[in-house]
N, C-alpha and C. Protein backbone atom coordinates (compact mmCIF):
# COMPACT_ATOMS: atom_id res chain seq x y z
N MET A 1 0.57 -1.50 -0.55
CA MET A 1 0.03 -0.03 -0.03
C MET A 1 0.98 1.16 -0.09
N LYS A 2 0.68 2.54 -0.52
CA LYS A 2 1.04 3.58 -0.39
C LYS A 2 0.08 4.26 0.24
N ILE A 3 1.11 4.87 1.54
CA ILE A 3 0.79 6.18 2.48
C ILE A 3 1.64 7.27 1.80
N GLY A 4 0.60 8.16 1.81
CA GLY A 4 1.42 9.39 1.53
C GLY A 4 1.38 10.61 2.75
N TYR A 5 2.12 11.39 2.98
CA TYR A 5 2.27 12.31 3.90
C TYR A 5 2.51 13.78 3.32
N ALA A 6 2.09 14.53 3.90
CA ALA A 6 1.82 15.88 3.38
C ALA A 6 2.02 17.15 4.42
N ARG A 7 3.01 18.09 4.33
CA ARG A 7 2.83 19.25 5.52
C ARG A 7 3.54 20.52 4.97
N THR A 8 2.81 21.40 5.53
CA THR A 8 3.52 22.82 5.36
C THR A 8 3.60 23.06 6.86
N SER A 9 4.34 24.07 6.82
CA SER A 9 4.96 24.72 8.37
C SER A 9 3.71 25.96 8.61
N THR A 10 2.77 26.33 8.03
CA THR A 10 2.18 27.37 8.64
C THR A 10 0.46 27.16 8.09
N LEU A 11 -0.11 27.75 8.33
CA LEU A 11 -1.68 27.71 8.22
C LEU A 11 -2.08 28.46 6.77
N LYS A 12 -0.94 29.34 6.51
CA LYS A 12 -0.99 30.64 5.13
C LYS A 12 -0.50 29.76 4.36
N GLN A 13 -0.08 28.37 4.26
CA GLN A 13 -0.08 27.40 2.92
C GLN A 13 -0.69 26.59 2.37
N ASP A 14 -1.81 27.07 2.30
CA ASP A 14 -2.98 26.21 1.97
C ASP A 14 -2.68 25.70 0.31
N TYR A 15 -2.22 26.26 -0.38
CA TYR A 15 -2.31 25.78 -1.76
C TYR A 15 -0.96 24.97 -1.98
N SER A 16 -0.04 25.03 -0.99
CA SER A 16 1.36 24.48 -1.02
C SER A 16 0.73 22.94 -0.69
N LEU A 17 -0.19 22.84 0.37
CA LEU A 17 -0.80 21.76 1.26
C LEU A 17 -1.56 20.76 0.03
N GLU A 18 -2.34 21.57 -0.71
CA GLU A 18 -3.08 20.79 -1.40
C GLU A 18 -2.51 20.67 -2.71
N ASP A 19 -1.26 21.34 -2.97
CA ASP A 19 -0.83 20.75 -4.03
C ASP A 19 0.20 19.34 -3.64
N GLN A 20 0.84 19.12 -2.59
CA GLN A 20 1.51 18.03 -2.02
C GLN A 20 0.43 16.76 -2.15
N ILE A 21 -1.11 16.95 -1.66
CA ILE A 21 -1.76 15.90 -1.56
C ILE A 21 -2.64 15.80 -3.00
N GLU A 22 -2.47 16.40 -3.93
CA GLU A 22 -2.96 16.14 -5.56
C GLU A 22 -1.89 15.42 -5.86
N ARG A 23 -0.85 15.62 -5.54
CA ARG A 23 0.88 14.80 -6.24
C ARG A 23 0.54 13.49 -5.59
N LEU A 24 0.17 13.38 -4.16
CA LEU A 24 0.32 11.99 -4.01
C LEU A 24 -0.89 11.41 -4.26
N GLU A 25 -1.98 11.86 -4.43
CA GLU A 25 -3.14 11.17 -5.11
C GLU A 25 -2.95 10.23 -6.12
N LYS A 26 -2.00 11.66 -7.27
CA LYS A 26 -1.72 11.02 -8.88
C LYS A 26 -1.07 9.76 -8.33
N GLU A 27 -0.01 9.82 -7.49
CA GLU A 27 0.82 8.77 -7.37
C GLU A 27 0.36 7.46 -6.76
N GLY A 28 -1.02 7.58 -6.44
CA GLY A 28 -1.60 6.42 -6.31
C GLY A 28 -1.66 5.81 -4.54
N CYS A 29 -1.36 7.13 -3.53
CA CYS A 29 -1.44 6.80 -2.31
C CYS A 29 -3.05 6.38 -1.79
N GLU A 30 -3.13 5.77 -1.11
CA GLU A 30 -4.37 5.02 -0.85
C GLU A 30 -4.72 5.62 0.52
N LYS A 31 -4.20 6.12 1.49
CA LYS A 31 -4.40 6.77 2.88
C LYS A 31 -3.28 8.03 2.81
N ILE A 32 -3.51 9.08 3.23
CA ILE A 32 -2.54 10.49 2.92
C ILE A 32 -3.09 10.97 4.39
N PHE A 33 -1.95 11.19 4.71
CA PHE A 33 -1.82 12.03 6.09
C PHE A 33 -1.27 13.46 5.67
N SER A 34 -1.96 14.62 6.35
CA SER A 34 -1.52 15.47 6.44
C SER A 34 -1.59 16.84 7.26
N GLU A 35 -0.89 17.70 7.68
CA GLU A 35 -1.02 18.81 8.63
C GLU A 35 -0.24 19.69 8.28
N GLN A 36 -0.48 20.94 8.85
CA GLN A 36 0.09 22.42 8.96
C GLN A 36 0.73 22.75 10.44
N VAL A 37 2.01 22.20 10.57
CA VAL A 37 2.48 22.47 11.65
C VAL A 37 4.23 22.44 11.26
N SER A 38 5.12 23.43 12.11
CA SER A 38 6.40 23.25 11.96
C SER A 38 7.00 21.98 12.20
N SER A 39 8.03 21.48 11.17
CA SER A 39 8.75 20.20 11.93
C SER A 39 9.53 20.29 13.50
N VAL A 40 9.49 21.47 13.84
CA VAL A 40 10.00 21.36 15.07
C VAL A 40 9.00 20.89 16.20
N GLN A 41 8.10 21.21 15.87
CA GLN A 41 6.81 21.17 16.99
C GLN A 41 6.56 19.11 16.81
N ASP A 42 5.81 18.85 17.50
CA ASP A 42 4.95 17.59 17.55
C ASP A 42 4.10 17.35 16.23
N ARG A 43 4.38 16.36 15.41
CA ARG A 43 3.79 16.42 14.25
C ARG A 43 2.92 15.15 14.60
N PRO A 44 1.60 14.90 14.88
CA PRO A 44 0.59 13.98 14.96
C PRO A 44 0.47 13.30 14.16
N GLU A 45 0.02 13.94 13.31
CA GLU A 45 -0.24 13.26 11.76
C GLU A 45 1.06 12.48 11.01
N PHE A 46 2.11 12.82 11.29
CA PHE A 46 3.23 11.98 11.17
C PHE A 46 3.72 10.94 11.47
N ASP A 47 3.25 11.26 12.92
CA ASP A 47 3.52 9.98 13.69
C ASP A 47 2.36 8.86 13.47
N ARG A 48 1.05 9.26 13.03
CA ARG A 48 0.16 8.46 12.65
C ARG A 48 0.49 7.67 11.61
N CYS A 49 1.24 8.22 10.53
CA CYS A 49 1.43 7.95 9.10
C CYS A 49 2.49 6.77 9.95
N ILE A 50 3.78 7.02 10.21
CA ILE A 50 4.71 5.97 10.67
C ILE A 50 3.94 4.90 11.60
N ASP A 51 3.38 5.41 12.33
CA ASP A 51 2.88 4.12 13.23
C ASP A 51 1.76 2.95 12.16
N PHE A 52 1.24 3.75 11.19
CA PHE A 52 0.19 3.35 10.07
C PHE A 52 0.93 2.41 9.11
N ALA A 53 2.21 2.64 8.89
CA ALA A 53 3.21 1.82 8.03
C ALA A 53 3.10 0.13 8.59
N ARG A 54 2.91 -0.57 7.42
CA ARG A 54 3.26 -1.76 7.47
C ARG A 54 4.29 -2.60 6.62
N GLU A 55 4.52 -4.07 6.83
CA GLU A 55 5.17 -4.39 5.92
C GLU A 55 4.74 -4.66 4.55
N GLY A 56 6.00 -3.68 3.59
CA GLY A 56 5.55 -3.88 1.91
C GLY A 56 4.74 -2.76 1.70
N ASP A 57 4.62 -1.77 2.63
CA ASP A 57 4.35 -0.33 2.43
C ASP A 57 5.11 0.64 1.96
N VAL A 58 4.83 1.53 1.62
CA VAL A 58 5.69 2.70 0.98
C VAL A 58 5.14 4.08 1.32
N VAL A 59 5.72 4.85 2.07
CA VAL A 59 5.50 6.11 2.41
C VAL A 59 6.25 7.09 1.28
N VAL A 60 4.92 7.71 1.15
CA VAL A 60 5.32 8.82 -0.18
C VAL A 60 5.34 10.16 0.27
N ILE A 61 6.33 10.94 0.03
CA ILE A 61 6.59 12.02 0.35
C ILE A 61 6.53 13.10 -0.95
N THR A 62 6.60 14.56 -0.95
CA THR A 62 6.84 15.44 -2.43
C THR A 62 8.54 15.46 -2.26
N LYS A 63 8.74 15.88 -1.00
CA LYS A 63 10.26 16.55 -0.58
C LYS A 63 10.52 16.15 0.61
N LEU A 64 11.66 16.16 0.57
CA LEU A 64 12.44 15.48 1.55
C LEU A 64 12.49 16.23 2.80
N ASP A 65 12.38 17.55 2.70
CA ASP A 65 12.04 18.49 3.93
C ASP A 65 10.80 18.32 4.70
N ARG A 66 9.85 17.69 3.74
CA ARG A 66 8.31 17.11 4.54
C ARG A 66 8.54 16.24 5.46
N PHE A 67 9.73 15.58 5.36
CA PHE A 67 9.84 14.23 6.48
C PHE A 67 11.01 14.65 7.57
N ALA A 68 11.84 15.07 7.23
CA ALA A 68 12.63 15.16 8.17
C ALA A 68 13.57 16.68 8.09
N ARG A 69 14.19 17.09 9.48
CA ARG A 69 15.07 18.38 9.24
C ARG A 69 16.77 18.04 9.56
N SER A 70 16.78 17.06 9.87
CA SER A 70 18.29 16.67 10.09
C SER A 70 18.43 15.41 9.73
N ILE A 71 19.90 15.42 9.31
CA ILE A 71 20.19 13.70 8.99
C ILE A 71 20.03 12.59 10.36
N THR A 72 20.03 13.32 11.47
CA THR A 72 19.74 11.97 12.46
C THR A 72 18.10 11.85 12.94
N ASP A 73 17.41 12.76 12.29
CA ASP A 73 15.98 12.48 12.60
C ASP A 73 15.59 11.67 11.16
N LEU A 74 16.14 12.10 10.06
CA LEU A 74 16.08 11.27 8.98
C LEU A 74 16.13 9.95 9.22
N TRP A 75 17.27 9.44 9.76
CA TRP A 75 17.69 8.11 9.88
C TRP A 75 16.64 7.35 10.96
N LYS A 76 16.43 8.11 11.93
CA LYS A 76 15.36 7.77 13.00
C LYS A 76 14.21 7.49 12.37
N HIS A 77 13.62 7.96 11.19
CA HIS A 77 12.37 7.91 10.59
C HIS A 77 12.57 6.69 9.96
N ILE A 78 13.62 6.69 9.00
CA ILE A 78 14.00 5.45 7.95
C ILE A 78 14.04 4.16 8.89
N THR A 79 14.42 4.33 9.99
CA THR A 79 14.92 3.42 10.77
C THR A 79 13.31 2.47 11.16
N ALA A 80 13.09 3.39 11.74
CA ALA A 80 11.32 3.07 11.98
C ALA A 80 10.28 2.29 10.77
N LEU A 81 10.54 3.07 9.68
CA LEU A 81 9.78 2.36 8.74
C LEU A 81 10.74 0.93 8.63
N GLU A 82 11.79 0.54 8.31
CA GLU A 82 12.56 -0.32 8.14
C GLU A 82 12.18 -1.69 9.29
N GLN A 83 12.04 -1.37 10.33
CA GLN A 83 11.58 -2.07 11.31
C GLN A 83 10.66 -2.49 10.97
N LYS A 84 9.51 -1.82 10.24
CA LYS A 84 8.26 -2.47 10.13
C LYS A 84 7.95 -3.34 8.71
N GLY A 85 9.32 -2.91 7.90
CA GLY A 85 9.22 -3.68 6.62
C GLY A 85 8.69 -2.69 5.79
N ALA A 86 8.94 -1.28 5.74
CA ALA A 86 8.53 -0.83 4.61
C ALA A 86 9.62 0.41 4.36
N ASP A 87 9.14 0.80 3.21
CA ASP A 87 10.32 1.97 2.51
C ASP A 87 9.57 3.45 2.47
N LEU A 88 10.40 4.12 1.91
CA LEU A 88 10.41 5.64 1.68
C LEU A 88 10.66 6.14 0.25
N HIS A 89 9.54 6.51 -0.43
CA HIS A 89 9.85 7.13 -1.77
C HIS A 89 9.51 8.43 -1.60
N ILE A 90 10.51 9.47 -2.23
CA ILE A 90 10.93 10.98 -2.33
C ILE A 90 10.22 11.31 -3.86
N LEU A 91 9.18 12.22 -3.96
CA LEU A 91 8.64 12.17 -5.50
C LEU A 91 9.79 13.34 -6.35
N ASP A 92 10.05 14.49 -5.59
CA ASP A 92 10.89 15.46 -6.06
C ASP A 92 12.37 14.98 -6.41
N LEU A 93 12.78 13.55 -5.82
CA LEU A 93 14.26 13.27 -6.15
C LEU A 93 14.17 11.86 -6.55
N ASN A 94 12.76 10.92 -6.92
CA ASN A 94 12.50 10.12 -7.37
C ASN A 94 13.50 8.96 -6.65
N MET A 95 13.46 9.10 -5.59
CA MET A 95 14.44 8.33 -4.55
C MET A 95 13.83 7.45 -3.67
N ASP A 96 14.04 5.93 -3.64
CA ASP A 96 13.31 5.47 -2.38
C ASP A 96 14.33 4.91 -1.79
N THR A 97 14.02 3.73 -0.81
CA THR A 97 15.21 3.48 0.59
C THR A 97 15.41 2.20 0.19
N SER A 98 14.42 1.68 -1.11
CA SER A 98 14.30 -0.25 -1.11
C SER A 98 15.56 -0.26 -1.47
N THR A 99 16.30 0.48 -1.99
CA THR A 99 18.13 -0.09 -3.14
C THR A 99 18.92 0.52 -2.21
N PRO A 100 20.00 0.11 -2.18
CA PRO A 100 21.17 0.27 -1.36
C PRO A 100 21.65 1.70 -2.49
N THR A 101 21.49 1.84 -3.19
CA THR A 101 21.75 2.93 -3.99
C THR A 101 21.20 3.97 -3.45
N GLY A 102 19.55 3.94 -3.10
CA GLY A 102 18.84 5.02 -2.92
C GLY A 102 18.87 5.60 -1.60
N ARG A 103 19.34 4.67 -0.61
CA ARG A 103 20.07 4.83 0.69
C ARG A 103 20.90 5.70 0.80
N LEU A 104 21.93 5.12 -0.19
CA LEU A 104 23.53 6.54 -0.39
C LEU A 104 23.28 7.73 -0.43
N GLN A 105 21.82 7.57 -1.47
CA GLN A 105 21.81 9.14 -2.16
C GLN A 105 20.80 9.78 -1.14
N ILE A 106 20.30 9.08 -0.37
CA ILE A 106 18.88 9.68 0.65
C ILE A 106 20.19 10.21 1.99
N THR A 107 21.09 9.50 2.05
CA THR A 107 22.26 10.04 3.27
C THR A 107 23.00 11.30 2.88
N LEU A 108 23.40 11.28 1.56
CA LEU A 108 23.97 12.37 0.62
C LEU A 108 23.26 13.33 0.97
N LEU A 109 22.11 13.35 0.29
CA LEU A 109 21.28 14.42 0.09
C LEU A 109 21.02 14.95 1.66
N GLY A 110 20.30 14.35 2.47
CA GLY A 110 20.08 14.72 3.98
C GLY A 110 20.99 15.29 4.74
N GLY A 111 22.43 15.00 4.46
CA GLY A 111 23.65 15.65 4.78
C GLY A 111 23.31 17.11 4.45
N ILE A 112 23.39 17.18 3.03
CA ILE A 112 23.56 18.48 2.33
C ILE A 112 22.15 19.22 2.78
N ALA A 113 21.11 18.48 2.81
CA ALA A 113 19.84 19.67 3.48
C ALA A 113 20.09 19.87 4.90
N GLN A 114 20.51 19.28 5.52
CA GLN A 114 21.09 19.54 7.13
C GLN A 114 21.81 20.70 6.89
N TRP A 115 23.01 20.65 5.96
CA TRP A 115 23.90 21.65 6.21
C TRP A 115 23.64 22.84 5.41
N GLU A 116 22.22 22.64 4.36
CA GLU A 116 22.00 24.22 3.91
C GLU A 116 21.15 24.77 4.66
N ARG A 117 20.15 24.32 5.58
CA ARG A 117 19.54 24.78 6.68
C ARG A 117 20.40 25.46 7.86
N GLU A 118 21.50 24.60 8.05
CA GLU A 118 22.27 25.15 9.34
C GLU A 118 22.95 26.58 8.71
N MET A 119 23.67 26.47 7.29
CA MET A 119 24.38 27.78 6.94
C MET A 119 22.94 29.13 6.61
N MET A 120 21.88 28.72 6.41
CA MET A 120 20.82 29.70 6.12
C MET A 120 20.54 30.26 7.60
N LEU A 121 20.43 29.27 8.59
CA LEU A 121 20.41 29.94 9.90
C LEU A 121 21.52 30.86 10.72
N GLU A 122 22.75 30.49 10.30
CA GLU A 122 23.92 31.42 10.28
C GLU A 122 23.91 32.70 9.87
N ARG A 123 23.60 32.56 8.23
CA ARG A 123 23.22 33.75 7.35
C ARG A 123 22.54 35.03 8.49
N GLN A 124 21.27 34.04 8.68
CA GLN A 124 20.36 35.12 9.67
C GLN A 124 20.66 35.36 10.77
N ARG A 125 21.51 34.75 11.37
CA ARG A 125 22.05 35.44 12.76
C ARG A 125 23.03 36.47 12.32
N VAL A 126 23.86 36.43 11.14
CA VAL A 126 24.79 37.38 11.20
C VAL A 126 24.15 38.61 10.99
N GLY A 127 23.13 38.57 9.91
CA GLY A 127 22.31 39.73 9.41
C GLY A 127 21.38 40.43 10.61
N ILE A 128 21.07 40.01 11.30
CA ILE A 128 20.71 40.17 12.78
C ILE A 128 21.39 41.06 13.16
N ALA A 129 22.42 40.27 14.15
CA ALA A 129 23.72 40.70 14.47
C ALA A 129 24.17 42.22 14.11
N LYS A 130 23.77 42.51 12.46
CA LYS A 130 24.68 43.70 12.05
C LYS A 130 23.56 44.55 11.95
N ALA A 131 22.13 44.33 11.70
CA ALA A 131 20.92 45.22 11.93
C ALA A 131 21.15 45.79 13.34
N LYS A 132 21.25 44.86 14.31
CA LYS A 132 21.07 45.38 15.63
C LYS A 132 22.40 46.05 15.65
N ALA A 133 23.53 46.34 15.60
CA ALA A 133 24.64 47.05 15.80
C ALA A 133 24.63 48.14 14.95
N GLU A 134 23.66 48.26 13.66
CA GLU A 134 23.45 49.33 12.86
C GLU A 134 22.22 50.30 13.91
N GLY A 135 21.83 49.79 14.61
CA GLY A 135 20.42 50.19 15.28
C GLY A 135 19.40 50.29 14.64
N LYS A 136 19.27 49.29 13.37
CA LYS A 136 18.08 48.89 12.38
C LYS A 136 17.02 47.98 13.04
N TYR A 137 17.48 46.75 13.59
CA TYR A 137 16.64 45.49 14.05
C TYR A 137 16.05 46.13 15.28
N LYS A 138 14.70 45.97 15.45
CA LYS A 138 14.38 46.31 16.74
C LYS A 138 13.52 44.83 16.92
N GLY A 139 13.44 44.23 16.09
CA GLY A 139 12.87 42.56 16.64
C GLY A 139 11.17 42.94 16.39
N ARG A 140 10.26 41.99 16.80
CA ARG A 140 9.14 41.61 16.78
C ARG A 140 8.37 42.06 17.52
N GLU A 141 7.50 43.25 17.40
CA GLU A 141 6.56 43.58 18.70
C GLU A 141 5.91 42.40 19.38
N PRO A 142 6.20 41.82 20.68
CA PRO A 142 5.19 40.86 21.23
C PRO A 142 3.59 40.72 20.84
N THR A 143 2.85 39.55 20.41
CA THR A 143 1.78 39.50 19.95
C THR A 143 0.86 40.00 21.36
N ALA A 144 1.49 39.18 22.02
CA ALA A 144 0.02 39.36 23.56
C ALA A 144 0.54 41.03 23.70
N LEU A 145 1.28 41.40 23.69
CA LEU A 145 1.56 42.62 24.09
C LEU A 145 0.83 44.22 23.46
N ARG A 146 0.45 43.78 22.05
CA ARG A 146 -0.47 44.44 21.55
C ARG A 146 -1.88 43.97 21.70
N LYS A 147 -2.11 42.96 22.49
CA LYS A 147 -3.82 42.39 23.00
C LYS A 147 -3.62 42.68 24.77
N VAL A 148 -2.95 43.61 25.29
CA VAL A 148 -2.97 43.84 26.69
C VAL A 148 -4.72 44.45 27.08
N GLU A 149 -5.14 45.26 26.25
CA GLU A 149 -6.61 45.78 26.72
C GLU A 149 -7.48 44.48 26.48
N GLU A 150 -7.51 43.89 25.39
CA GLU A 150 -8.17 42.74 25.44
C GLU A 150 -8.06 41.64 26.55
N ILE A 151 -6.78 41.56 26.88
CA ILE A 151 -6.56 40.66 28.19
C ILE A 151 -7.22 41.15 29.21
N LYS A 152 -6.98 42.37 29.71
CA LYS A 152 -7.88 43.13 30.73
C LYS A 152 -9.17 43.00 30.72
N ARG A 153 -9.67 43.16 29.56
CA ARG A 153 -11.31 43.53 29.31
C ARG A 153 -11.60 41.99 29.69
N LEU A 154 -11.26 40.76 29.00
CA LEU A 154 -11.77 39.41 29.39
C LEU A 154 -11.41 39.08 31.08
N HIS A 155 -10.22 39.43 31.15
CA HIS A 155 -9.94 39.22 32.84
C HIS A 155 -11.00 39.89 33.80
N LYS A 156 -11.25 41.29 33.45
CA LYS A 156 -12.05 41.67 34.40
C LYS A 156 -13.86 41.36 34.24
N GLU A 157 -14.28 40.36 32.77
CA GLU A 157 -15.28 39.71 32.77
C GLU A 157 -15.46 38.36 33.53
N GLY A 158 -13.96 37.87 33.92
CA GLY A 158 -14.02 36.77 35.14
C GLY A 158 -13.41 35.41 34.17
N LEU A 159 -13.12 35.89 32.95
CA LEU A 159 -12.51 34.43 32.19
C LEU A 159 -11.37 33.84 32.62
N ARG A 160 -11.19 32.56 32.59
CA ARG A 160 -9.83 32.23 33.25
C ARG A 160 -8.95 32.20 32.23
N PRO A 161 -7.99 32.47 32.76
CA PRO A 161 -6.45 32.55 31.48
C PRO A 161 -6.49 31.75 30.25
N SER A 162 -6.72 30.57 30.68
CA SER A 162 -6.55 29.61 29.48
C SER A 162 -7.79 29.82 28.69
N VAL A 163 -8.91 30.46 28.62
CA VAL A 163 -9.87 30.39 27.89
C VAL A 163 -9.60 31.98 27.39
N ILE A 164 -9.10 32.99 28.15
CA ILE A 164 -8.46 33.86 27.21
C ILE A 164 -7.42 33.89 26.34
N ALA A 165 -6.62 32.93 26.74
CA ALA A 165 -5.55 32.73 25.63
C ALA A 165 -5.87 32.35 24.23
N LYS A 166 -6.80 31.16 24.68
CA LYS A 166 -7.32 30.35 23.12
C LYS A 166 -8.24 31.21 22.71
N GLU A 167 -8.74 32.09 23.25
CA GLU A 167 -9.53 33.01 22.32
C GLU A 167 -9.10 34.28 21.93
N LEU A 168 -8.04 34.69 22.30
CA LEU A 168 -7.07 35.73 21.76
C LEU A 168 -5.65 35.25 21.02
N GLY A 169 -5.49 33.37 20.88
CA GLY A 169 -4.64 33.21 20.25
C GLY A 169 -3.08 33.45 20.56
N ILE A 170 -3.13 33.43 22.06
CA ILE A 170 -1.56 33.67 22.55
C ILE A 170 -1.34 32.69 23.36
N GLY A 171 -0.50 32.72 24.08
CA GLY A 171 0.08 31.86 25.03
C GLY A 171 -0.70 32.04 26.11
N VAL A 172 -0.81 30.95 27.49
CA VAL A 172 -1.67 31.25 28.97
C VAL A 172 -0.45 31.90 29.56
N ALA A 173 0.76 31.64 29.26
CA ALA A 173 2.08 32.12 30.29
C ALA A 173 1.71 33.70 30.09
N SER A 174 1.33 34.65 28.68
CA SER A 174 1.28 35.68 28.52
C SER A 174 0.13 36.35 28.86
N VAL A 175 -1.27 35.68 29.16
CA VAL A 175 -2.03 36.33 30.13
C VAL A 175 -1.70 36.44 31.11
N TYR A 176 -1.19 35.46 32.04
CA TYR A 176 -0.79 35.85 33.31
C TYR A 176 0.25 36.66 33.43
N ARG A 177 1.05 37.03 32.55
CA ARG A 177 2.26 37.95 32.61
C ARG A 177 1.73 39.56 32.74
N TYR A 178 0.47 39.60 31.88
CA TYR A 178 -0.08 40.85 31.37
C TYR A 178 -0.90 40.99 32.19
N ARG A 179 -1.65 40.40 33.33
CA ARG A 179 -3.11 40.44 33.65
C ARG A 179 -2.48 40.71 35.56
N LYS A 180 -1.25 40.82 35.51
CA LYS A 180 -0.63 41.13 37.05
C LYS A 180 -0.78 42.58 37.22
N PRO A 181 -1.34 43.08 38.57
CA PRO A 181 -1.62 44.02 38.40
C PRO A 181 -0.47 45.20 38.20
N GLU A 182 0.55 44.89 38.43
CA GLU A 182 1.92 46.09 38.54
C GLU A 182 2.01 46.26 36.75
N ILE A 183 1.82 45.09 36.05
CA ILE A 183 2.08 45.45 34.61
C ILE A 183 0.57 46.04 33.92
N ILE A 184 -0.52 45.65 34.56
CA ILE A 184 -1.91 46.12 33.83
C ILE A 184 -1.51 47.17 34.65
N LYS A 185 -1.19 48.17 35.20
CA LYS A 185 -0.81 49.38 35.54
C LYS A 185 -0.22 50.34 34.55
N LYS A 186 0.85 49.84 34.13
CA LYS A 186 1.48 50.29 33.19
C LYS A 186 0.83 50.76 32.20
N PHE A 187 -0.03 49.96 31.38
CA PHE A 187 -0.88 50.07 30.59
C PHE A 187 -1.93 51.09 30.82
N GLU A 188 -2.44 51.44 31.41
CA GLU A 188 -3.50 52.40 32.28
C GLU A 188 -3.34 54.12 32.23
């Protein structure tokens, strides 16, 4: 059985997710798991996909970075599939783990992908440091800070912090932080 997995990092990437799902359907995937979550967070649908795989199955993805972000992560998941007797197929690379050549290629490309990501993050850190030194980088204003008035209003209405956080799309810790009397006074 062919099992598909599609993922985007944010909710704003609907077209990318739809494209991945269409490609997996065209590839003949009978079951497709999809989600919109960063690869550094828990990926419940990914875990279900790996758990669902059985002997003789092939997990199909469109791109390598949908499956793993590091070579360690890559091999952890490939090993989990191998232990079940399943393989991995990557459409964009026309590569699978069922052959020694495919396993070699995926190891090399996984290492290069990890290196590329680390280089991008390093360039980003350098750019931010330079912008800070020149006084051009102020960072992003905290999301919850923009919602202090709403936090205060909902707090006065007697809503619990967890309910306030969910309603405003912020973390519970931010609600606790901004509902402290000494902080609320700063914004009055």
